[in-house]
């Protein structure tokens, strides 16, 4: 679970020209990986990473099967007292439509949810994230590909090591069930 130091994103590295309209986005699944996000958005997203962030009173779950990806994908669910670690981006507004397409918003798979997240030095309000619209009653095991993208993003963007291990064990447990 070690990434090369050159692969890691420095905290607070986000750059979006001040004159360009932007929005904050909290990623907790495969979008934590800037390389994978680039594939969907069509441009390098490393410069837009602010760093690790925490969403309080939610938990992660694999309660969605994506026909587009042909595997399960992560979701957030309300859970008092629990936390979800993720990556906070400051994205140019022009990428909003492409992000919605990636998250299958127009197909009714995910919807926008606006949350408050906590970075290392401040609180961010009205941050966009995505939640599954129709959740499966049971968790569905993720594919090896999806699991590796999620972990790559978590490590690259310097989420806490204990959380990376927690993610790894949760995904592995579902795959072995």
C-alpha atoms as a PDB file:
ATOM      1  CA  UNK A   1       0.000   0.000   0.000  1.00  0.00           C
ATOM      2  CA  UNK A   2       2.896   2.323  -0.613  1.00  0.00           C
ATOM      3  CA  UNK A   3       2.900   4.752  -3.527  1.00  0.00           C
ATOM      4  CA  UNK A   4       6.025   6.339  -4.894  1.00  0.00           C
ATOM      5  CA  UNK A   5       6.574   9.773  -3.435  1.00  0.00           C
ATOM      6  CA  UNK A   6       6.475  11.273  -6.926  1.00  0.00           C
ATOM      7  CA  UNK A   7       2.952   9.836  -7.360  1.00  0.00           C
ATOM      8  CA  UNK A   8       1.581  11.614  -4.322  1.00  0.00           C
ATOM      9  CA  UNK A   9      -0.336  14.852  -4.492  1.00  0.00           C
ATOM     10  CA  UNK A  10       0.875  17.617  -2.164  1.00  0.00           C
ATOM     11  CA  UNK A  11      -1.858  18.897   0.100  1.00  0.00           C
ATOM     12  CA  UNK A  12      -3.246  22.274  -0.900  1.00  0.00           C
ATOM     13  CA  UNK A  13      -2.032  21.887  -4.498  1.00  0.00           C
ATOM     14  CA  UNK A  14      -5.377  22.844  -6.064  1.00  0.00           C
ATOM     15  CA  UNK A  15      -5.153  25.428  -8.765  1.00  0.00           C
ATOM     16  CA  UNK A  16      -8.101  26.837 -10.637  1.00  0.00           C
ATOM     17  CA  UNK A  17      -7.575  30.305 -12.121  1.00  0.00           C
ATOM     18  CA  UNK A  18      -9.466  32.824  -9.956  1.00  0.00           C
ATOM     19  CA  UNK A  19     -11.375  34.203 -12.947  1.00  0.00           C
ATOM     20  CA  UNK A  20     -12.697  30.746 -13.880  1.00  0.00           C
ATOM     21  CA  UNK A  21     -15.928  29.732 -12.092  1.00  0.00           C
ATOM     22  CA  UNK A  22     -15.407  26.605 -10.000  1.00  0.00           C
ATOM     23  CA  UNK A  23     -17.049  24.285  -7.499  1.00  0.00           C
ATOM     24  CA  UNK A  24     -15.846  22.013  -4.703  1.00  0.00           C
ATOM     25  CA  UNK A  25     -16.233  18.280  -5.238  1.00  0.00           C
ATOM     26  CA  UNK A  26     -15.759  15.516  -2.642  1.00  0.00           C
ATOM     27  CA  UNK A  27     -14.733  12.165  -4.140  1.00  0.00           C
ATOM     28  CA  UNK A  28     -14.850   8.976  -2.077  1.00  0.00           C
ATOM     29  CA  UNK A  29     -14.665   6.210  -4.717  1.00  0.00           C
ATOM     30  CA  UNK A  30     -12.830   5.801  -8.010  1.00  0.00           C
ATOM     31  CA  UNK A  31     -12.842   9.584  -8.570  1.00  0.00           C
ATOM     32  CA  UNK A  32     -10.320   9.899  -5.746  1.00  0.00           C
ATOM     33  CA  UNK A  33      -7.784   8.802  -8.359  1.00  0.00           C
ATOM     34  CA  UNK A  34      -6.883  11.883 -10.440  1.00  0.00           C
ATOM     35  CA  UNK A  35      -5.615   9.675 -13.266  1.00  0.00           C
ATOM     36  CA  UNK A  36      -8.934   7.833 -13.536  1.00  0.00           C
ATOM     37  CA  UNK A  37     -10.874  11.093 -13.228  1.00  0.00           C
ATOM     38  CA  UNK A  38      -8.799  12.525 -16.094  1.00  0.00           C
ATOM     39  CA  UNK A  39     -10.025   9.648 -18.280  1.00  0.00           C
ATOM     40  CA  UNK A  40     -13.616  10.877 -17.880  1.00  0.00           C
ATOM     41  CA  UNK A  41     -13.101  14.631 -17.735  1.00  0.00           C
ATOM     42  CA  UNK A  42     -10.596  14.850 -20.570  1.00  0.00           C
ATOM     43  CA  UNK A  43      -7.943  16.876 -18.786  1.00  0.00           C
ATOM     44  CA  UNK A  44      -5.361  16.540 -16.064  1.00  0.00           C
ATOM     45  CA  UNK A  45      -7.115  16.822 -12.696  1.00  0.00           C
ATOM     46  CA  UNK A  46      -4.009  16.702 -10.462  1.00  0.00           C
ATOM     47  CA  UNK A  47      -3.846  20.527 -10.284  1.00  0.00           C
ATOM     48  CA  UNK A  48      -7.401  20.635  -8.901  1.00  0.00           C
ATOM     49  CA  UNK A  49      -6.736  18.401  -5.876  1.00  0.00           C
ATOM     50  CA  UNK A  50      -6.974  20.300  -2.598  1.00  0.00           C
ATOM     51  CA  UNK A  51      -6.218  17.216  -0.508  1.00  0.00           C
ATOM     52  CA  UNK A  52      -7.754  14.735   1.912  1.00  0.00           C
ATOM     53  CA  UNK A  53     -11.082  15.637   3.474  1.00  0.00           C
ATOM     54  CA  UNK A  54     -13.494  14.068   5.951  1.00  0.00           C
ATOM     55  CA  UNK A  55     -17.259  13.707   5.630  1.00  0.00           C
ATOM     56  CA  UNK A  56     -18.826  13.216   9.053  1.00  0.00           C
ATOM     57  CA  UNK A  57     -21.904  11.127   9.885  1.00  0.00           C
ATOM     58  CA  UNK A  58     -21.728   8.963   6.748  1.00  0.00           C
ATOM     59  CA  UNK A  59     -20.304   5.554   5.878  1.00  0.00           C
ATOM     60  CA  UNK A  60     -19.287   3.860   2.647  1.00  0.00           C
ATOM     61  CA  UNK A  61     -21.102   0.955   1.087  1.00  0.00           C
ATOM     62  CA  UNK A  62     -21.181  -0.975  -2.182  1.00  0.00           C
ATOM     63  CA  UNK A  63     -24.913  -0.596  -2.727  1.00  0.00           C
ATOM     64  CA  UNK A  64     -24.887   0.027  -6.469  1.00  0.00           C
ATOM     65  CA  UNK A  65     -24.148  -2.008  -9.588  1.00  0.00           C
ATOM     66  CA  UNK A  66     -22.976   0.121 -12.510  1.00  0.00           C
ATOM     67  CA  UNK A  67     -23.969  -1.332 -15.887  1.00  0.00           C
ATOM     68  CA  UNK A  68     -21.595   1.181 -17.494  1.00  0.00           C
ATOM     69  CA  UNK A  69     -18.594  -0.115 -15.514  1.00  0.00           C
ATOM     70  CA  UNK A  70     -19.968  -3.654 -15.189  1.00  0.00           C
ATOM     71  CA  UNK A  71     -19.100  -3.793 -11.504  1.00  0.00           C
ATOM     72  CA  UNK A  72     -20.269  -2.441  -8.182  1.00  0.00           C
ATOM     73  CA  UNK A  73     -19.396   1.093  -7.132  1.00  0.00           C
ATOM     74  CA  UNK A  74     -19.217   2.943  -3.844  1.00  0.00           C
ATOM     75  CA  UNK A  75     -21.986   4.949  -2.275  1.00  0.00           C
ATOM     76  CA  UNK A  76     -22.345   7.053   0.866  1.00  0.00           C
ATOM     77  CA  UNK A  77     -25.046   6.362   3.436  1.00  0.00           C
ATOM     78  CA  UNK A  78     -26.034   8.428   6.479  1.00  0.00           C
ATOM     79  CA  UNK A  79     -24.467   6.920   9.622  1.00  0.00           C
ATOM     80  CA  UNK A  80     -24.263   9.066  12.766  1.00  0.00           C
ATOM     81  CA  UNK A  81     -20.843   8.938  14.371  1.00  0.00           C
ATOM     82  CA  UNK A  82     -19.038   7.441  11.370  1.00  0.00           C
ATOM     83  CA  UNK A  83     -16.804   9.153   8.808  1.00  0.00           C
ATOM     84  CA  UNK A  84     -15.882   8.829   5.164  1.00  0.00           C
ATOM     85  CA  UNK A  85     -12.432   9.917   4.056  1.00  0.00           C
ATOM     86  CA  UNK A  86     -12.058  11.215   0.542  1.00  0.00           C
ATOM     87  CA  UNK A  87     -10.432  13.718  -1.762  1.00  0.00           C
ATOM     88  CA  UNK A  88     -11.521  17.328  -2.107  1.00  0.00           C
ATOM     89  CA  UNK A  89     -11.188  18.932  -5.531  1.00  0.00           C
ATOM     90  CA  UNK A  90     -11.796  22.470  -6.718  1.00  0.00           C
ATOM     91  CA  UNK A  91     -12.958  21.839 -10.282  1.00  0.00           C
ATOM     92  CA  UNK A  92     -13.651  24.365 -13.035  1.00  0.00           C
ATOM     93  CA  UNK A  93     -17.390  24.672 -13.624  1.00  0.00           C
ATOM     94  CA  UNK A  94     -16.879  23.685 -17.277  1.00  0.00           C
ATOM     95  CA  UNK A  95     -16.174  20.102 -16.067  1.00  0.00           C
ATOM     96  CA  UNK A  96     -19.523  19.792 -14.274  1.00  0.00           C
ATOM     97  CA  UNK A  97     -21.428  18.153 -17.147  1.00  0.00           C
ATOM     98  CA  UNK A  98     -18.682  15.592 -17.788  1.00  0.00           C
ATOM     99  CA  UNK A  99     -18.580  14.737 -14.055  1.00  0.00           C
ATOM    100  CA  UNK A 100     -22.357  14.240 -14.029  1.00  0.00           C
ATOM    101  CA  UNK A 101     -22.014  11.945 -17.051  1.00  0.00           C
ATOM    102  CA  UNK A 102     -19.354   9.899 -15.296  1.00  0.00           C
ATOM    103  CA  UNK A 103     -21.632   9.574 -12.271  1.00  0.00           C
ATOM    104  CA  UNK A 104     -24.601   8.611 -14.485  1.00  0.00           C
ATOM    105  CA  UNK A 105     -26.781  11.410 -13.075  1.00  0.00           C
ATOM    106  CA  UNK A 106     -29.004  11.688 -16.156  1.00  0.00           C
ATOM    107  CA  UNK A 107     -29.642   7.927 -16.083  1.00  0.00           C
ATOM    108  CA  UNK A 108     -30.903   8.286 -12.501  1.00  0.00           C
ATOM    109  CA  UNK A 109     -28.054   6.268 -10.980  1.00  0.00           C
ATOM    110  CA  UNK A 110     -26.499   8.943  -8.746  1.00  0.00           C
ATOM    111  CA  UNK A 111     -27.745  12.340  -7.614  1.00  0.00           C
ATOM    112  CA  UNK A 112     -26.009  15.448  -6.338  1.00  0.00           C
ATOM    113  CA  UNK A 113     -25.747  15.739  -2.596  1.00  0.00           C
ATOM    114  CA  UNK A 114     -24.338  18.871  -0.979  1.00  0.00           C
ATOM    115  CA  UNK A 115     -22.337  18.241   2.155  1.00  0.00           C
ATOM    116  CA  UNK A 116     -19.907  19.842   4.563  1.00  0.00           C
ATOM    117  CA  UNK A 117     -16.418  18.339   4.586  1.00  0.00           C
ATOM    118  CA  UNK A 118     -13.413  19.034   6.758  1.00  0.00           C
ATOM    119  CA  UNK A 119      -9.948  19.544   5.311  1.00  0.00           C
ATOM    120  CA  UNK A 120      -6.756  19.779   7.334  1.00  0.00           C
ATOM    121  CA  UNK A 121      -7.157  23.498   7.957  1.00  0.00           C
ATOM    122  CA  UNK A 122     -10.783  24.429   7.345  1.00  0.00           C
ATOM    123  CA  UNK A 123     -14.387  23.431   6.812  1.00  0.00           C
ATOM    124  CA  UNK A 124     -15.898  23.481   3.313  1.00  0.00           C
ATOM    125  CA  UNK A 125     -19.662  23.945   2.991  1.00  0.00           C
ATOM    126  CA  UNK A 126     -21.990  23.117   0.086  1.00  0.00           C
ATOM    127  CA  UNK A 127     -19.513  20.702  -1.442  1.00  0.00           C
ATOM    128  CA  UNK A 128     -20.885  18.547  -4.252  1.00  0.00           C
ATOM    129  CA  UNK A 129     -20.703  14.805  -3.916  1.00  0.00           C
ATOM    130  CA  UNK A 130     -22.846  12.013  -5.329  1.00  0.00           C
ATOM    131  CA  UNK A 131     -25.154   9.483  -3.681  1.00  0.00           C
ATOM    132  CA  UNK A 132     -26.817   6.439  -5.232  1.00  0.00           C
ATOM    133  CA  UNK A 133     -30.515   6.947  -5.989  1.00  0.00           C
ATOM    134  CA  UNK A 134     -31.696   3.293  -5.807  1.00  0.00           C
ATOM    135  CA  UNK A 135     -29.567   1.409  -3.309  1.00  0.00           C
ATOM    136  CA  UNK A 136     -29.329  -2.377  -3.317  1.00  0.00           C
ATOM    137  CA  UNK A 137     -30.341  -4.004  -0.019  1.00  0.00           C
ATOM    138  CA  UNK A 138     -27.070  -5.950   0.193  1.00  0.00           C
ATOM    139  CA  UNK A 139     -23.548  -4.855  -0.645  1.00  0.00           C
ATOM    140  CA  UNK A 140     -22.119  -6.130  -3.940  1.00  0.00           C
ATOM    141  CA  UNK A 141     -18.453  -7.112  -4.130  1.00  0.00           C
ATOM    142  CA  UNK A 142     -16.306  -4.704  -6.167  1.00  0.00           C
ATOM    143  CA  UNK A 143     -14.190  -5.910  -9.075  1.00  0.00           C
ATOM    144  CA  UNK A 144     -10.417  -6.105  -8.713  1.00  0.00           C
ATOM    145  CA  UNK A 145     -10.128  -3.213 -11.186  1.00  0.00           C
ATOM    146  CA  UNK A 146     -12.464  -0.942  -9.195  1.00  0.00           C
ATOM    147  CA  UNK A 147     -10.790  -1.845  -5.904  1.00  0.00           C
ATOM    148  CA  UNK A 148      -7.354  -1.004  -7.266  1.00  0.00           C
ATOM    149  CA  UNK A 149      -8.507   2.376  -8.638  1.00  0.00           C
ATOM    150  CA  UNK A 150     -10.097   3.306  -5.299  1.00  0.00           C
ATOM    151  CA  UNK A 151      -6.952   2.350  -3.363  1.00  0.00           C
ATOM    152  CA  UNK A 152      -4.675   4.089  -5.861  1.00  0.00           C
ATOM    153  CA  UNK A 153      -6.630   7.317  -5.372  1.00  0.00           C
ATOM    154  CA  UNK A 154      -6.656   6.987  -1.591  1.00  0.00           C
ATOM    155  CA  UNK A 155      -2.898   6.454  -1.439  1.00  0.00           C
ATOM    156  CA  UNK A 156      -1.988   9.006  -4.115  1.00  0.00           C
ATOM    157  CA  UNK A 157      -3.994  11.735  -2.400  1.00  0.00           C
ATOM    158  CA  UNK A 158      -2.610  10.819   1.034  1.00  0.00           C
ATOM    159  CA  UNK A 159      -5.679   9.614   2.896  1.00  0.00           C
ATOM    160  CA  UNK A 160      -4.781   8.319   6.372  1.00  0.00           C
ATOM    161  CA  UNK A 161      -3.018   4.960   6.230  1.00  0.00           C
ATOM    162  CA  UNK A 162      -5.441   3.306   8.668  1.00  0.00           C
ATOM    163  CA  UNK A 163      -8.346   4.353   6.425  1.00  0.00           C
ATOM    164  CA  UNK A 164      -6.623   2.922   3.316  1.00  0.00           C
ATOM    165  CA  UNK A 165      -6.227  -0.394   5.133  1.00  0.00           C
ATOM    166  CA  UNK A 166      -9.851  -0.248   6.281  1.00  0.00           C
ATOM    167  CA  UNK A 167     -10.949   0.234   2.648  1.00  0.00           C
ATOM    168  CA  UNK A 168      -8.718  -2.621   1.500  1.00  0.00           C
ATOM    169  CA  UNK A 169     -10.069  -5.049   4.104  1.00  0.00           C
ATOM    170  CA  UNK A 170     -13.696  -4.087   3.448  1.00  0.00           C
ATOM    171  CA  UNK A 171     -13.368  -4.627  -0.302  1.00  0.00           C
ATOM    172  CA  UNK A 172     -11.439  -7.889   0.155  1.00  0.00           C
ATOM    173  CA  UNK A 173     -14.020  -9.196   2.639  1.00  0.00           C
ATOM    174  CA  UNK A 174     -16.838  -8.562   0.131  1.00  0.00           C
ATOM    175  CA  UNK A 175     -14.880 -10.281  -2.643  1.00  0.00           C
ATOM    176  CA  UNK A 176     -14.339 -13.379  -0.501  1.00  0.00           C
ATOM    177  CA  UNK A 177     -17.964 -13.691   0.648  1.00  0.00           C
END
